PDB file of N, CA and C in Angstrom:
ATOM      1  N   MET A   1       0.107   4.911 -18.947  1.00  0.00           N
ATOM      2  CA  MET A   1       0.070   4.258 -17.851  1.00  0.00           C
ATOM      3  C   MET A   1       1.175   4.576 -16.938  1.00  0.00           C
ATOM      4  N   ALA A   2       2.378   5.465 -17.680  1.00  0.00           N
ATOM      5  CA  ALA A   2       3.630   6.171 -16.420  1.00  0.00           C
ATOM      6  C   ALA A   2       2.813   7.200 -15.911  1.00  0.00           C
ATOM      7  N   ASP A   3       1.771   7.514 -16.130  1.00  0.00           N
ATOM      8  CA  ASP A   3       1.280   9.151 -15.549  1.00  0.00           C
ATOM      9  C   ASP A   3       0.149   8.763 -14.797  1.00  0.00           C
ATOM     10  N   SER A   4       0.108   7.357 -14.398  1.00  0.00           N
ATOM     11  CA  SER A   4      -0.929   6.992 -13.323  1.00  0.00           C
ATOM     12  C   SER A   4      -0.622   7.383 -12.191  1.00  0.00           C
ATOM     13  N   PRO A   5      -1.503   8.251 -11.442  1.00  0.00           N
ATOM     14  CA  PRO A   5      -1.690   8.612  -9.896  1.00  0.00           C
ATOM     15  C   PRO A   5      -1.185   7.399  -9.365  1.00  0.00           C
ATOM     16  N   LEU A   6      -2.055   6.258  -9.476  1.00  0.00           N
ATOM     17  CA  LEU A   6      -1.969   4.816  -8.796  1.00  0.00           C
ATOM     18  C   LEU A   6      -0.240   4.433  -8.629  1.00  0.00           C
ATOM     19  N   LEU A   7       0.304   4.449  -9.750  1.00  0.00           N
ATOM     20  CA  LEU A   7       1.343   3.771  -9.693  1.00  0.00           C
ATOM     21  C   LEU A   7       2.507   4.898  -9.204  1.00  0.00           C
ATOM     22  N   SER A   8       2.557   5.595  -9.147  1.00  0.00           N
ATOM     23  CA  SER A   8       3.674   6.842  -8.781  1.00  0.00           C
ATOM     24  C   SER A   8       3.160   6.788  -7.032  1.00  0.00           C
ATOM     25  N   LYS A   9       2.074   7.111  -6.562  1.00  0.00           N
ATOM     26  CA  LYS A   9       1.550   7.126  -5.261  1.00  0.00           C
ATOM     27  C   LYS A   9       1.656   5.728  -4.880  1.00  0.00           C
ATOM     28  N   SER A  10       1.853   4.698  -5.272  1.00  0.00           N
ATOM     29  CA  SER A  10       2.021   3.252  -4.793  1.00  0.00           C
ATOM     30  C   SER A  10       3.502   3.249  -4.358  1.00  0.00           C
ATOM     31  N   LYS A  11       4.212   3.334  -5.401  1.00  0.00           N
ATOM     32  CA  LYS A  11       5.759   3.171  -5.690  1.00  0.00           C
ATOM     33  C   LYS A  11       6.072   4.334  -4.402  1.00  0.00           C
ATOM     34  N   SER A  12       5.711   5.615  -4.245  1.00  0.00           N
ATOM     35  CA  SER A  12       6.201   6.216  -3.268  1.00  0.00           C
ATOM     36  C   SER A  12       6.017   5.885  -1.863  1.00  0.00           C
ATOM     37  N   PHE A  13       4.718   5.562  -1.798  1.00  0.00           N
ATOM     38  CA  PHE A  13       4.356   4.767  -0.728  1.00  0.00           C
ATOM     39  C   PHE A  13       5.284   3.551  -0.144  1.00  0.00           C
ATOM     40  N   ALA A  14       5.714   2.497  -0.891  1.00  0.00           N
ATOM     41  CA  ALA A  14       6.748   1.641  -0.863  1.00  0.00           C
ATOM     42  C   ALA A  14       7.963   2.077  -0.510  1.00  0.00           C
ATOM     43  N   LEU A  15       8.273   3.139  -1.217  1.00  0.00           N
ATOM     44  CA  LEU A  15       9.804   3.466  -0.580  1.00  0.00           C
ATOM     45  C   LEU A  15       9.838   4.080   0.365  1.00  0.00           C
ATOM     46  N   ALA A  16       8.665   4.712   1.282  1.00  0.00           N
ATOM     47  CA  ALA A  16       8.407   4.951   2.070  1.00  0.00           C
ATOM     48  C   ALA A  16       8.390   4.109   3.353  1.00  0.00           C
ATOM     49  N   ILE A  17       7.584   3.275   3.009  1.00  0.00           N
ATOM     50  CA  ILE A  17       7.783   2.301   4.030  1.00  0.00           C
ATOM     51  C   ILE A  17       8.837   1.166   4.315  1.00  0.00           C
ATOM     52  N   ILE A  18       9.627   1.004   3.136  1.00  0.00           N
ATOM     53  CA  ILE A  18      11.088   0.662   3.167  1.00  0.00           C
ATOM     54  C   ILE A  18      11.882   1.825   4.513  1.00  0.00           C
ATOM     55  N   LYS A  19      11.501   2.792   4.106  1.00  0.00           N
ATOM     56  CA  LYS A  19      12.484   3.446   5.365  1.00  0.00           C
ATOM     57  C   LYS A  19      11.444   3.773   6.804  1.00  0.00           C
ATOM     58  N   VAL A  20      10.860   3.373   6.996  1.00  0.00           N
ATOM     59  CA  VAL A  20      10.072   3.310   8.088  1.00  0.00           C
ATOM     60  C   VAL A  20      10.502   1.889   8.646  1.00  0.00           C
ATOM     61  N   CYS A  21      10.358   0.846   7.978  1.00  0.00           N
ATOM     62  CA  CYS A  21      10.853  -0.323   8.350  1.00  0.00           C
ATOM     63  C   CYS A  21      12.423  -0.643   8.866  1.00  0.00           C
ATOM     64  N   ASN A  22      13.217  -0.147   7.932  1.00  0.00           N
ATOM     65  CA  ASN A  22      14.477   0.039   8.162  1.00  0.00           C
ATOM     66  C   ASN A  22      14.629   0.998   9.520  1.00  0.00           C
ATOM     67  N   GLU A  23      13.900   2.028   9.912  1.00  0.00           N
ATOM     68  CA  GLU A  23      14.410   2.903  10.927  1.00  0.00           C
ATOM     69  C   GLU A  23      13.874   2.254  12.060  1.00  0.00           C
ATOM     70  N   VAL A  24      12.632   1.493  12.263  1.00  0.00           N
ATOM     71  CA  VAL A  24      12.206   0.829  13.313  1.00  0.00           C
ATOM     72  C   VAL A  24      13.236  -0.207  13.442  1.00  0.00           C
ATOM     73  N   LYS A  25      13.553  -1.198  12.684  1.00  0.00           N
ATOM     74  CA  LYS A  25      14.380  -2.122  12.863  1.00  0.00           C
ATOM     75  C   LYS A  25      15.680  -1.767  13.475  1.00  0.00           C
ATOM     76  N   SER A  26      16.184  -0.879  12.777  1.00  0.00           N
ATOM     77  CA  SER A  26      17.599  -0.111  14.052  1.00  0.00           C
ATOM     78  C   SER A  26      17.332   0.393  14.966  1.00  0.00           C
ATOM     79  N   SER A  27      15.974   1.094  15.277  1.00  0.00           N
ATOM     80  CA  SER A  27      16.043   1.691  16.517  1.00  0.00           C
ATOM     81  C   SER A  27      15.371   1.259  17.461  1.00  0.00           C
ATOM     82  N   LYS A  28      14.654   0.582  17.318  1.00  0.00           N
ATOM     83  CA  LYS A  28      14.143  -0.511  18.136  1.00  0.00           C
ATOM     84  C   LYS A  28      13.916  -1.983  18.378  1.00  0.00           C
ATOM     85  N   HIS A  29      14.898  -2.139  17.318  1.00  0.00           N
ATOM     86  CA  HIS A  29      15.235  -3.727  17.147  1.00  0.00           C
ATOM     87  C   HIS A  29      13.817  -4.667  17.302  1.00  0.00           C
ATOM     88  N   GLU A  30      12.888  -4.105  15.935  1.00  0.00           N
ATOM     89  CA  GLU A  30      11.736  -4.874  16.346  1.00  0.00           C
ATOM     90  C   GLU A  30      11.379  -5.300  14.624  1.00  0.00           C
ATOM     91  N   SER A  31      11.027  -6.592  14.615  1.00  0.00           N
ATOM     92  CA  SER A  31      11.285  -7.207  13.241  1.00  0.00           C
ATOM     93  C   SER A  31       9.666  -7.941  13.077  1.00  0.00           C
ATOM     94  N   VAL A  32       9.093  -8.118  13.540  1.00  0.00           N
ATOM     95  CA  VAL A  32       7.959  -8.542  14.021  1.00  0.00           C
ATOM     96  C   VAL A  32       6.986  -8.320  12.882  1.00  0.00           C
ATOM     97  N   LEU A  33       6.560  -6.877  13.208  1.00  0.00           N
ATOM     98  CA  LEU A  33       5.437  -5.902  12.678  1.00  0.00           C
ATOM     99  C   LEU A  33       6.112  -5.767  11.521  1.00  0.00           C
ATOM    100  N   THR A  34       7.482  -4.969  11.564  1.00  0.00           N
ATOM    101  CA  THR A  34       7.834  -4.779  10.240  1.00  0.00           C
ATOM    102  C   THR A  34       8.118  -5.336   9.234  1.00  0.00           C
ATOM    103  N   ASN A  35       8.400  -6.815   9.231  1.00  0.00           N
ATOM    104  CA  ASN A  35       8.390  -7.666   8.354  1.00  0.00           C
ATOM    105  C   ASN A  35       7.012  -7.716   7.570  1.00  0.00           C
ATOM    106  N   GLN A  36       6.012  -7.742   8.288  1.00  0.00           N
ATOM    107  CA  GLN A  36       4.437  -8.043   7.844  1.00  0.00           C
ATOM    108  C   GLN A  36       4.458  -6.552   7.016  1.00  0.00           C
ATOM    109  N   LEU A  37       4.383  -5.597   7.643  1.00  0.00           N
ATOM    110  CA  LEU A  37       4.711  -4.322   6.860  1.00  0.00           C
ATOM    111  C   LEU A  37       5.311  -4.234   5.455  1.00  0.00           C
ATOM    112  N   ILE A  38       6.243  -4.759   5.326  1.00  0.00           N
ATOM    113  CA  ILE A  38       7.204  -4.704   4.278  1.00  0.00           C
ATOM    114  C   ILE A  38       6.515  -5.244   3.532  1.00  0.00           C
ATOM    115  N   ARG A  39       6.026  -6.329   3.298  1.00  0.00           N
ATOM    116  CA  ARG A  39       5.633  -7.345   2.487  1.00  0.00           C
ATOM    117  C   ARG A  39       4.253  -6.849   1.924  1.00  0.00           C
ATOM    118  N   SER A  40       3.588  -6.560   2.735  1.00  0.00           N
ATOM    119  CA  SER A  40       1.905  -5.581   2.431  1.00  0.00           C
ATOM    120  C   SER A  40       2.333  -4.425   1.694  1.00  0.00           C
ATOM    121  N   GLY A  41       3.130  -3.643   2.256  1.00  0.00           N
ATOM    122  CA  GLY A  41       3.343  -2.130   1.994  1.00  0.00           C
ATOM    123  C   GLY A  41       4.044  -2.163   0.388  1.00  0.00           C
ATOM    124  N   THR A  42       4.731  -2.980   0.194  1.00  0.00           N
ATOM    125  CA  THR A  42       5.576  -3.411  -1.216  1.00  0.00           C
ATOM    126  C   THR A  42       4.735  -3.981  -2.243  1.00  0.00           C
ATOM    127  N   SER A  43       3.821  -4.328  -1.718  1.00  0.00           N
ATOM    128  CA  SER A  43       3.028  -5.341  -2.755  1.00  0.00           C
ATOM    129  C   SER A  43       2.030  -4.591  -3.107  1.00  0.00           C
ATOM    130  N   ILE A  44       1.533  -3.852  -3.123  1.00  0.00           N
ATOM    131  CA  ILE A  44       0.673  -2.876  -3.254  1.00  0.00           C
ATOM    132  C   ILE A  44       0.876  -2.381  -4.575  1.00  0.00           C
ATOM    133  N   GLY A  45       2.104  -1.762  -4.722  1.00  0.00           N
ATOM    134  CA  GLY A  45       2.346  -0.750  -5.725  1.00  0.00           C
ATOM    135  C   GLY A  45       2.577  -2.588  -7.446  1.00  0.00           C
ATOM    136  N   ALA A  46       3.059  -3.576  -6.510  1.00  0.00           N
ATOM    137  CA  ALA A  46       3.131  -4.535  -7.525  1.00  0.00           C
ATOM    138  C   ALA A  46       2.066  -5.204  -8.487  1.00  0.00           C
ATOM    139  N   ASN A  47       0.935  -5.253  -7.322  1.00  0.00           N
ATOM    140  CA  ASN A  47      -0.443  -5.583  -7.999  1.00  0.00           C
ATOM    141  C   ASN A  47      -1.169  -4.615  -8.547  1.00  0.00           C
ATOM    142  N   ILE A  48      -0.955  -3.262  -8.438  1.00  0.00           N
ATOM    143  CA  ILE A  48      -1.433  -2.210  -9.261  1.00  0.00           C
ATOM    144  C   ILE A  48      -0.537  -2.438 -10.570  1.00  0.00           C
ATOM    145  N   ARG A  49       0.905  -2.682 -10.451  1.00  0.00           N
ATOM    146  CA  ARG A  49       1.308  -2.682 -11.942  1.00  0.00           C
ATOM    147  C   ARG A  49       0.570  -3.974 -12.690  1.00  0.00           C
ATOM    148  N   GLU A  50       0.804  -5.006 -11.983  1.00  0.00           N
ATOM    149  CA  GLU A  50       0.142  -6.240 -12.595  1.00  0.00           C
ATOM    150  C   GLU A  50      -1.359  -5.914 -13.285  1.00  0.00           C
ATOM    151  N   ALA A  51      -1.986  -5.108 -12.481  1.00  0.00           N
ATOM    152  CA  ALA A  51      -3.256  -4.577 -12.893  1.00  0.00           C
ATOM    153  C   ALA A  51      -3.621  -4.127 -14.623  1.00  0.00           C
ATOM    154  N   PHE A  52      -2.720  -3.367 -14.482  1.00  0.00           N
ATOM    155  CA  PHE A  52      -2.241  -2.778 -15.947  1.00  0.00           C
ATOM    156  C   PHE A  52      -2.082  -3.596 -17.001  1.00  0.00           C
ATOM    157  N   TYR A  53      -1.253  -4.494 -16.894  1.00  0.00           N
ATOM    158  CA  TYR A  53      -1.185  -5.705 -17.848  1.00  0.00           C
ATOM    159  C   TYR A  53      -2.116  -6.864 -17.333  1.00  0.00           C
ATOM    160  N   GLY A  54      -3.173  -6.427 -17.090  1.00  0.00           N
ATOM    161  CA  GLY A  54      -4.419  -7.731 -16.879  1.00  0.00           C
ATOM    162  C   GLY A  54      -4.868  -8.112 -18.263  1.00  0.00           C
ATOM    163  N   HIS A  55      -5.207  -9.379 -18.369  1.00  0.00           N
ATOM    164  CA  HIS A  55      -5.797  -9.708 -19.643  1.00  0.00           C
ATOM    165  C   HIS A  55      -7.520  -9.452 -20.048  1.00  0.00           C
ATOM    166  N   SER A  56      -7.950  -8.853 -18.821  1.00  0.00           N
ATOM    167  CA  SER A  56      -9.282  -8.444 -18.820  1.00  0.00           C
ATOM    168  C   SER A  56      -9.611  -7.480 -18.182  1.00  0.00           C
ATOM    169  N   LYS A  57     -10.987  -6.968 -18.245  1.00  0.00           N
ATOM    170  CA  LYS A  57     -11.314  -6.088 -17.119  1.00  0.00           C
ATOM    171  C   LYS A  57     -11.299  -7.011 -15.733  1.00  0.00           C
ATOM    172  N   ALA A  58     -11.635  -8.188 -15.700  1.00  0.00           N
ATOM    173  CA  ALA A  58     -11.915  -8.723 -14.596  1.00  0.00           C
ATOM    174  C   ALA A  58     -10.552  -8.884 -13.686  1.00  0.00           C
ATOM    175  N   ASP A  59      -9.546  -8.834 -15.033  1.00  0.00           N
ATOM    176  CA  ASP A  59      -8.147  -9.357 -14.342  1.00  0.00           C
ATOM    177  C   ASP A  59      -7.568  -8.062 -13.753  1.00  0.00           C
ATOM    178  N   PHE A  60      -8.106  -6.932 -14.493  1.00  0.00           N
ATOM    179  CA  PHE A  60      -7.824  -5.793 -14.051  1.00  0.00           C
ATOM    180  C   PHE A  60      -8.243  -5.550 -12.398  1.00  0.00           C
ATOM    181  N   ILE A  61      -9.843  -5.477 -12.115  1.00  0.00           N
ATOM    182  CA  ILE A  61     -10.504  -5.384 -10.859  1.00  0.00           C
ATOM    183  C   ILE A  61      -9.892  -6.242  -9.843  1.00  0.00           C
ATOM    184  N   SER A  62      -9.639  -7.474 -10.294  1.00  0.00           N
ATOM    185  CA  SER A  62      -9.255  -8.341  -9.075  1.00  0.00           C
ATOM    186  C   SER A  62      -7.750  -7.838  -8.652  1.00  0.00           C
ATOM    187  N   LYS A  63      -6.699  -7.381  -9.360  1.00  0.00           N
ATOM    188  CA  LYS A  63      -5.571  -7.192  -9.234  1.00  0.00           C
ATOM    189  C   LYS A  63      -5.560  -6.036  -8.152  1.00  0.00           C
ATOM    190  N   LEU A  64      -6.669  -4.514  -8.472  1.00  0.00           N
ATOM    191  CA  LEU A  64      -6.659  -3.618  -7.619  1.00  0.00           C
ATOM    192  C   LEU A  64      -7.373  -3.731  -6.294  1.00  0.00           C
ATOM    193  N   GLN A  65      -8.196  -5.075  -6.233  1.00  0.00           N
ATOM    194  CA  GLN A  65      -8.685  -5.655  -5.067  1.00  0.00           C
ATOM    195  C   GLN A  65      -7.958  -5.898  -4.411  1.00  0.00           C
ATOM    196  N   ILE A  66      -6.782  -6.816  -4.490  1.00  0.00           N
ATOM    197  CA  ILE A  66      -5.741  -7.339  -4.233  1.00  0.00           C
ATOM    198  C   ILE A  66      -4.959  -6.305  -3.587  1.00  0.00           C
ATOM    199  N   ALA A  67      -4.855  -5.247  -4.401  1.00  0.00           N
ATOM    200  CA  ALA A  67      -4.084  -4.064  -3.645  1.00  0.00           C
ATOM    201  C   ALA A  67      -4.412  -3.374  -2.643  1.00  0.00           C
ATOM    202  N   LEU A  68      -6.063  -3.473  -2.579  1.00  0.00           N
ATOM    203  CA  LEU A  68      -6.592  -2.617  -1.554  1.00  0.00           C
ATOM    204  C   LEU A  68      -6.468  -3.688  -0.192  1.00  0.00           C
ATOM    205  N   LYS A  69      -6.315  -4.801  -0.535  1.00  0.00           N
ATOM    206  CA  LYS A  69      -6.792  -5.696   0.699  1.00  0.00           C
ATOM    207  C   LYS A  69      -5.352  -5.582   1.337  1.00  0.00           C
ATOM    208  N   GLU A  70      -4.224  -5.294   0.688  1.00  0.00           N
ATOM    209  CA  GLU A  70      -2.429  -5.124   0.908  1.00  0.00           C
ATOM    210  C   GLU A  70      -2.272  -3.804   1.647  1.00  0.00           C
ATOM    211  N   CYS A  71      -3.254  -2.868   1.262  1.00  0.00           N
ATOM    212  CA  CYS A  71      -3.124  -1.547   1.789  1.00  0.00           C
ATOM    213  C   CYS A  71      -3.927  -1.430   2.978  1.00  0.00           C
ATOM    214  N   SER A  72      -5.220  -2.157   2.705  1.00  0.00           N
ATOM    215  CA  SER A  72      -5.648  -2.128   4.350  1.00  0.00           C
ATOM    216  C   SER A  72      -4.847  -2.864   5.314  1.00  0.00           C
ATOM    217  N   GLU A  73      -4.194  -4.103   5.016  1.00  0.00           N
ATOM    218  CA  GLU A  73      -3.301  -4.734   5.876  1.00  0.00           C
ATOM    219  C   GLU A  73      -2.135  -3.738   6.424  1.00  0.00           C
ATOM    220  N   SER A  74      -1.499  -3.063   5.358  1.00  0.00           N
ATOM    221  CA  SER A  74      -0.482  -2.250   5.639  1.00  0.00           C
ATOM    222  C   SER A  74      -0.827  -1.030   6.715  1.00  0.00           C
ATOM    223  N   GLU A  75      -2.354  -0.811   6.602  1.00  0.00           N
ATOM    224  CA  GLU A  75      -3.058   0.509   7.174  1.00  0.00           C
ATOM    225  C   GLU A  75      -2.698  -0.024   8.889  1.00  0.00           C
ATOM    226  N   TYR A  76      -3.489  -1.515   8.910  1.00  0.00           N
ATOM    227  CA  TYR A  76      -3.173  -2.355  10.243  1.00  0.00           C
ATOM    228  C   TYR A  76      -1.888  -2.112  10.880  1.00  0.00           C
ATOM    229  N   TRP A  77      -0.843  -2.349  10.366  1.00  0.00           N
ATOM    230  CA  TRP A  77       0.657  -2.769  10.821  1.00  0.00           C
ATOM    231  C   TRP A  77       1.007  -1.190  11.532  1.00  0.00           C
ATOM    232  N   LEU A  78       0.778  -0.324  10.304  1.00  0.00           N
ATOM    233  CA  LEU A  78       1.230   0.896  10.775  1.00  0.00           C
ATOM    234  C   LEU A  78       0.503   1.712  12.166  1.00  0.00           C
ATOM    235  N   GLU A  79      -0.763   1.271  11.922  1.00  0.00           N
ATOM    236  CA  GLU A  79      -1.547   1.380  13.255  1.00  0.00           C
ATOM    237  C   GLU A  79      -0.673   1.166  14.522  1.00  0.00           C
ATOM    238  N   LEU A  80      -0.425  -0.430  14.219  1.00  0.00           N
ATOM    239  CA  LEU A  80       0.131  -1.149  15.605  1.00  0.00           C
ATOM    240  C   LEU A  80       1.617  -0.269  15.720  1.00  0.00           C
ATOM    241  N   LEU A  81       2.029  -0.249  14.859  1.00  0.00           N
ATOM    242  CA  LEU A  81       3.418   0.608  15.274  1.00  0.00           C
ATOM    243  C   LEU A  81       3.138   1.861  15.772  1.00  0.00           C
ATOM    244  N   ILE A  82       2.360   2.331  15.026  1.00  0.00           N
ATOM    245  CA  ILE A  82       2.058   4.023  16.247  1.00  0.00           C
ATOM    246  C   ILE A  82       1.953   3.999  17.365  1.00  0.00           C
ATOM    247  N   GLU A  83       0.636   2.918  17.528  1.00  0.00           N
ATOM    248  CA  GLU A  83       0.347   3.050  18.996  1.00  0.00           C
ATOM    249  C   GLU A  83       0.851   2.224  19.884  1.00  0.00           C
ATOM    250  N   SER A  84       1.869   1.248  19.529  1.00  0.00           N
ATOM    251  CA  SER A  84       2.763   0.893  20.308  1.00  0.00           C
ATOM    252  C   SER A  84       3.740   1.565  20.692  1.00  0.00           C
ATOM    253  N   GLY A  85       3.749   2.731  20.166  1.00  0.00           N
ATOM    254  CA  GLY A  85       5.232   3.645  20.636  1.00  0.00           C
ATOM    255  C   GLY A  85       6.559   3.271  19.771  1.00  0.00           C
ATOM    256  N   TYR A  86       6.300   2.362  18.871  1.00  0.00           N
ATOM    257  CA  TYR A  86       7.793   1.950  17.780  1.00  0.00           C
ATOM    258  C   TYR A  86       7.900   3.184  16.802  1.00  0.00           C
ATOM    259  N   TYR A  87       6.856   3.816  16.266  1.00  0.00           N
ATOM    260  CA  TYR A  87       7.194   4.787  15.327  1.00  0.00           C
ATOM    261  C   TYR A  87       6.030   5.965  15.699  1.00  0.00           C
ATOM    262  N   THR A  88       6.546   7.054  15.446  1.00  0.00           N
ATOM    263  CA  THR A  88       5.773   8.152  15.837  1.00  0.00           C
ATOM    264  C   THR A  88       5.260   9.006  14.572  1.00  0.00           C
ATOM    265  N   ASP A  89       5.482   9.314  13.453  1.00  0.00           N
ATOM    266  CA  ASP A  89       5.302   9.941  12.509  1.00  0.00           C
ATOM    267  C   ASP A  89       3.924   9.317  12.049  1.00  0.00           C
ATOM    268  N   ARG A  90       2.842  10.126  11.618  1.00  0.00           N
ATOM    269  CA  ARG A  90       1.636   9.797  11.250  1.00  0.00           C
ATOM    270  C   ARG A  90       1.599   9.652   9.657  1.00  0.00           C
ATOM    271  N   THR A  91       2.487  10.476   9.190  1.00  0.00           N
ATOM    272  CA  THR A  91       2.472  10.884   7.823  1.00  0.00           C
ATOM    273  C   THR A  91       2.308   9.820   6.891  1.00  0.00           C
ATOM    274  N   VAL A  92       3.087   8.793   7.327  1.00  0.00           N
ATOM    275  CA  VAL A  92       2.903   7.303   6.499  1.00  0.00           C
ATOM    276  C   VAL A  92       1.365   6.737   6.327  1.00  0.00           C
ATOM    277  N   LEU A  93       1.250   6.946   7.611  1.00  0.00           N
ATOM    278  CA  LEU A  93      -0.311   6.083   7.869  1.00  0.00           C
ATOM    279  C   LEU A  93      -1.137   6.984   7.071  1.00  0.00           C
ATOM    280  N   GLU A  94      -1.064   8.502   6.810  1.00  0.00           N
ATOM    281  CA  GLU A  94      -2.070   9.328   5.668  1.00  0.00           C
ATOM    282  C   GLU A  94      -1.748   9.002   4.600  1.00  0.00           C
ATOM    283  N   HIS A  95      -0.593   8.678   4.269  1.00  0.00           N
ATOM    284  CA  HIS A  95      -0.477   8.537   2.628  1.00  0.00           C
ATOM    285  C   HIS A  95      -0.946   7.016   2.409  1.00  0.00           C
ATOM    286  N   CYS A  96      -0.943   6.438   3.370  1.00  0.00           N
ATOM    287  CA  CYS A  96      -1.830   4.812   3.298  1.00  0.00           C
ATOM    288  C   CYS A  96      -3.015   5.010   2.937  1.00  0.00           C
ATOM    289  N   THR A  97      -3.870   6.003   3.831  1.00  0.00           N
ATOM    290  CA  THR A  97      -4.945   6.309   3.436  1.00  0.00           C
ATOM    291  C   THR A  97      -5.303   7.073   2.369  1.00  0.00           C
ATOM    292  N   GLU A  98      -4.431   7.869   2.114  1.00  0.00           N
ATOM    293  CA  GLU A  98      -4.862   8.671   0.630  1.00  0.00           C
ATOM    294  C   GLU A  98      -4.815   7.308  -0.555  1.00  0.00           C
ATOM    295  N   LEU A  99      -4.000   6.406  -0.572  1.00  0.00           N
ATOM    296  CA  LEU A  99      -3.697   5.407  -1.638  1.00  0.00           C
ATOM    297  C   LEU A  99      -4.966   4.659  -1.266  1.00  0.00           C
ATOM    298  N   LYS A 100      -5.384   4.135  -0.247  1.00  0.00           N
ATOM    299  CA  LYS A 100      -6.446   3.461  -0.035  1.00  0.00           C
ATOM    300  C   LYS A 100      -7.897   3.844  -0.519  1.00  0.00           C
ATOM    301  N   ARG A 101      -8.020   5.505  -0.566  1.00  0.00           N
ATOM    302  CA  ARG A 101      -9.105   5.925  -1.079  1.00  0.00           C
ATOM    303  C   ARG A 101      -9.053   6.349  -2.581  1.00  0.00           C
ATOM    304  N   LEU A 102      -7.860   6.398  -3.056  1.00  0.00           N
ATOM    305  CA  LEU A 102      -7.793   6.210  -4.638  1.00  0.00           C
ATOM    306  C   LEU A 102      -8.079   4.647  -5.189  1.00  0.00           C
ATOM    307  N   LEU A 103      -7.595   3.689  -4.177  1.00  0.00           N
ATOM    308  CA  LEU A 103      -7.972   2.391  -4.809  1.00  0.00           C
ATOM    309  C   LEU A 103      -9.231   2.052  -4.891  1.00  0.00           C
ATOM    310  N   ILE A 104     -10.028   2.759  -3.568  1.00  0.00           N
ATOM    311  CA  ILE A 104     -11.591   2.524  -4.019  1.00  0.00           C
ATOM    312  C   ILE A 104     -12.420   3.316  -4.973  1.00  0.00           C
ATOM    313  N   ALA A 105     -11.643   4.364  -5.231  1.00  0.00           N
ATOM    314  CA  ALA A 105     -12.062   5.383  -6.177  1.00  0.00           C
ATOM    315  C   ALA A 105     -12.010   4.701  -7.929  1.00  0.00           C
ATOM    316  N   SER A 106     -10.553   4.052  -7.770  1.00  0.00           N
ATOM    317  CA  SER A 106     -10.541   3.350  -9.171  1.00  0.00           C
ATOM    318  C   SER A 106     -11.407   2.202  -9.519  1.00  0.00           C
ATOM    319  N   LEU A 107     -11.564   1.146  -8.298  1.00  0.00           N
ATOM    320  CA  LEU A 107     -12.380   0.202  -8.432  1.00  0.00           C
ATOM    321  C   LEU A 107     -13.649   0.632  -8.693  1.00  0.00           C
ATOM    322  N   ASN A 108     -14.195   1.459  -8.168  1.00  0.00           N
ATOM    323  CA  ASN A 108     -15.650   1.971  -8.347  1.00  0.00           C
ATOM    324  C   ASN A 108     -15.707   2.223  -9.569  1.00  0.00           C
ATOM    325  N   THR A 109     -14.813   3.138 -10.125  1.00  0.00           N
ATOM    326  CA  THR A 109     -14.899   3.355 -11.450  1.00  0.00           C
ATOM    327  C   THR A 109     -14.726   2.479 -12.558  1.00  0.00           C
ATOM    328  N   ALA A 110     -13.657   1.440 -12.178  1.00  0.00           N
ATOM    329  CA  ALA A 110     -13.820   0.429 -13.271  1.00  0.00           C
ATOM    330  C   ALA A 110     -14.989  -0.488 -13.337  1.00  0.00           C
ATOM    331  N   LYS A 111     -15.295  -0.627 -12.317  1.00  0.00           N
ATOM    332  CA  LYS A 111     -16.770  -1.610 -12.137  1.00  0.00           C
ATOM    333  C   LYS A 111     -18.117  -1.239 -12.806  1.00  0.00           C
ATOM    334  N   THR A 112     -17.990  -0.101 -12.758  1.00  0.00           N
ATOM    335  CA  THR A 112     -19.024   1.044 -13.383  1.00  0.00           C
ATOM    336  C   THR A 112     -19.162   1.166 -14.757  1.00  0.00           C
ATOM    337  N   ARG A 113     -17.659   1.217 -15.444  1.00  0.00           N
ATOM    338  CA  ARG A 113     -17.298   1.350 -16.677  1.00  0.00           C
ATOM    339  C   ARG A 113     -17.608  -0.130 -17.717  1.00  0.00           C
ATOM    340  N   LYS A 114     -18.528  -0.066 -18.753  1.00  0.00           N
ATOM    341  CA  LYS A 114     -18.569  -0.949 -19.661  1.00  0.00           C
ATOM    342  C   LYS A 114     -17.838  -1.198 -20.817  1.00  0.00           C
TER     343      LYS A 114
END
């Protein structure tokens, strides 16, 4: 489990989200979007970690699906922050897109394995 790209990338993403939110809060005094983003962005990794300790394959898949939904929500909040001019660095959005692709691939693999 420790070698899982999903775990390491989701934790790295959560740390990046914390930095982005702190930066936007302090420089732009914006808290509505950042509060939403910090919740969804940090819950991705928490759900992935839960998936690894699922009771069954169905539980594993369910937790990864929740992580994917949270990832998609995070992508939305990041797009709003960027398109509204509150934040300009698109790197974290690219990181989110990469994480989303990894989650989709992992879900597809999990669903096809018996």
